[in-house]
Amino acid sequence: MTAASSFTLRPLERTSGSSSLDQATFRVHLSAKELKNLGLAAGDRIRLSTAKGFHGFALAWLAQQTNPGNKPIAKVSDLLREKYDLALTDAIFIEKVQEPPNFATSVEVKFSQSSDALKKYATSDELNFWTKAALAELDIAMPGCTFDVEKKPKSVFPGSKLRMTVTSVDTNSDEQQPLVFHPQDSELIFSNEPTLNTIPTVASSTILRLDGAGIGGFSDHINNINWELASLSFPRSDDDLRGPTSFLLHGPEGCGKTLLLERLSEAPWRKVYRLDDEWLAANRKEQAAALSEDVFDAALKHQPSLILIDDLDNFVKTAESLVNRLQKELKRLENTKVVVAAAARRIYDIDARLKSSEGFQIELEVFPPNVNQREDILRQILGPKLERSTIDLAHLAEQCHGFVGRDIKDLVRYARRRVDRRIFDSLGDDAKGTIIEALASTDFVRQEDFDAVIGQIKPSVLKDSIIEVPKVNWHDIAGVDHVRSLLESIVVRPYKFPQLDSKFGAPQSRKGVLLYGPPGCAKTLIAQAVATESNQNFLAVKGSELIKMYVGESERAIRDVFRRARAAKPCIIFFDEIDSIGKSRDKSQDSGLNVVTTLLNEMDGIEALKDVFIIGATNRPDMLDSALIRVGRFDVHIHIGLPTKEARRQILEIHTRKWPLAEDVDLDILASKIEGSTGADIKGLCAEVVELAKTDLLQRDPDGPAEVRMSHFERALAEHTPRTLAEEAARYEGWRPGKSLAGK
């Protein structure tokens, strides 16, 4: 050994990049001059002692900040002083250790089993590998030192940092030497053995498949996915034609896309990688594109492997550069056993580059379950309780049109809560304490419970950006009996009696109805009544709101409306003020032309789709593009004109049915005095009448009985002017496609 030199101890300065853990604890920082005098190089092992005797081993290290004085200084961490029982007043002797390093025969470590980071290690073998790698980086392994285990690269495995502590170190040598962990020669022992699996071996001949057991309504999707997975193992002579194996599932929220992805991840892959919000949160957004390459590199090294990208539309929107990177990485996966599966809510929001031949190869649209699938879902959720139940599942499934699995689960939960509340309310105050026993022995959910709560569940596919529609019945609208009969034959009958089409050998041809007439003639109320009476889902869209959007947004909104309708069928789409978006392309700017084209394409796309119907309302039918009012689109034109005298009397009756009318009020006489008034005009007149009656009551006797007299109507009529002229109403009656309302 070389002669020992004496040094004064000083605390090591903390830097922003320094660690409080023990990976660098055993380093003694010396100036370049002192290292040279001792014949040391950075990383050499040294022995530390004082006048009290030997204290321990350490590593010589080059100090970043040197001492300006002549006194030899050794800078050490607080942890080293604590572990070796050194004081700053001690003079420390340093000498080089000449013997080769002594490797520990075993190192025992412990960690917290409750750490969230433990979930990032899928198997015991994986945790064992990364723990050995971290121990090998320790300068010296000794009991009590702490270190971090972390999967690398961090961009691929965010959130995997797991803190461990060395509990004991054993060696076969009796020599006093610093002990170092060797990944091959040293044994790693976990004092609290992690409850993880061992790494499964995947034979090259193993056929990967998605297990569809217990999943209803996805047989076609599962078969398509399994065919593609099976083809990975098939020998092919035309491998140069095989693109990347990649799936894009798209459809409304709650339809089962994530369920399919999670079930796919349970196949015997060697590795499963996830690119999601958690991954983005752990990496800087501006670096996400570059770091995603690490994920694909890792997947290529562990074939067969799976990369999952849930919520793809939001994922690529968060970091725009990810689109180019994903396209390039998908191209790299050609002729490999790396599968990429993604899910998105709106296919229209996905960049076209990711839907090309070099992007996602297979697009699978996931619709809400049909009536048979909904019945299966109900049966699975209710389980054995159905044996003692009188619920008509087939009828209940029909009532749940547009519901996804999540909605059906909410429905059952609401019904169950109603049962619990009914039992609680039935118990006397003295028996409230027995509620648990009562609930345990109660009857199961009944049909009446579902009937009571089903109105509280709105289909998920209708929740976003859709106008709330009030319940309107035909008896709320006067003078439209002829319209009701016609609409029921066109809209309601095909839905309620679908067998008629096959019996007569003709498919349903009518898909759209145009309601036109003066403003205020109940066109919107009629559309709402059709939906209410037929018990169909209803999407209400105001054309003027769509046209105010940014360039391109109107077209996207129209496509989204039709997508929602297909997902929520049976469904009626109602376009109010359709002239705003369906204006003739000869009279529109470029943006209007694109909107009309999009509307035409979507209407043509539903020609062969059952249970989706369109109703448009306008007071300017002459402004509509001629292509919209041809056969196969809005091919039924219904004129909603001014109400007749009898209709006006019925409208007055509807608005005054709850009023305290005086005996002198004669609705027949009033109806004859408001000729030319629309339903909206009459509603406004009635509002004015009741205000006059309120004023009279306050002036006469606020505490007296309320009464609406004929004089109130006569005073209101003196100021009442119908908004539609007789000549204008006549032009609506005589309108035909190609004819202007201006009479030209």
Foldseek 3Di string as FASTA:
>chain_A
DDFWDKAQEDAADDDPPDDPFQLQQQEKEFAPVVCVVQVHDFLFKKWKAFPVGGQAIGTYHHHPDHDPDPGGYIYGHPVNCVNRVHDSRTIMIIHTDPDDAFAFQEWEKEFDLPQPLVVLQQALVSQLVQVLVFQQSRSFDAFFGKTWGADPPCLQRPPNITIMGTHHTHHPDPDRGGYGHDSVRHHYHYPDRHPHHHQDDDDLQDQWAQDCPPPPDCVVVRVVLSVLSRCLSDDDPPLVPFFFAEEEEEAAPQQCQVVSVVSSQPTNFSEETEDEPVSCVRDPLQCNLVSVVVNLVVCQVRPLYEYEYEAVLVRCVSRVVNLVSQLVSSRVRRSTNYYYYYYHHDPVSDDVSLVDVSHGPYYHYRFAHALVRQLVLLCVLCDPLVVQAPDPSSVLSVLQFLAHSVLSNVLQVQLLVVQLVVQCVPDDPVCNVCSVVDSVPDRHRYNVSSVVCVVVGDRSLQPPPFDDADQAAPLLAFDCPVVVVVCCVLAQCCVVPVVVCVVVVHHRFAFEAEEEEDPQACLVSVVNNSCNVSVAAEGEAELVVLLPDDQPSSLVVLVSVLSSCLRRFLYEYEYEQCLSQQFAPVPDDPSSVSSNVSNLVSLLVCRVPPNYHYYYYHHWPQRGHLSQCPGSHNVHYHYRFAHDLVRQLSLLCSLCVPPQEDPQDDSSVVSVLPPLAHSVLSNVLVVQLVVVQCVVCVVPPVPDDGYRYPVSSVVSSVVRDHPDDPLLRVLSVVDDHPAGSVRD
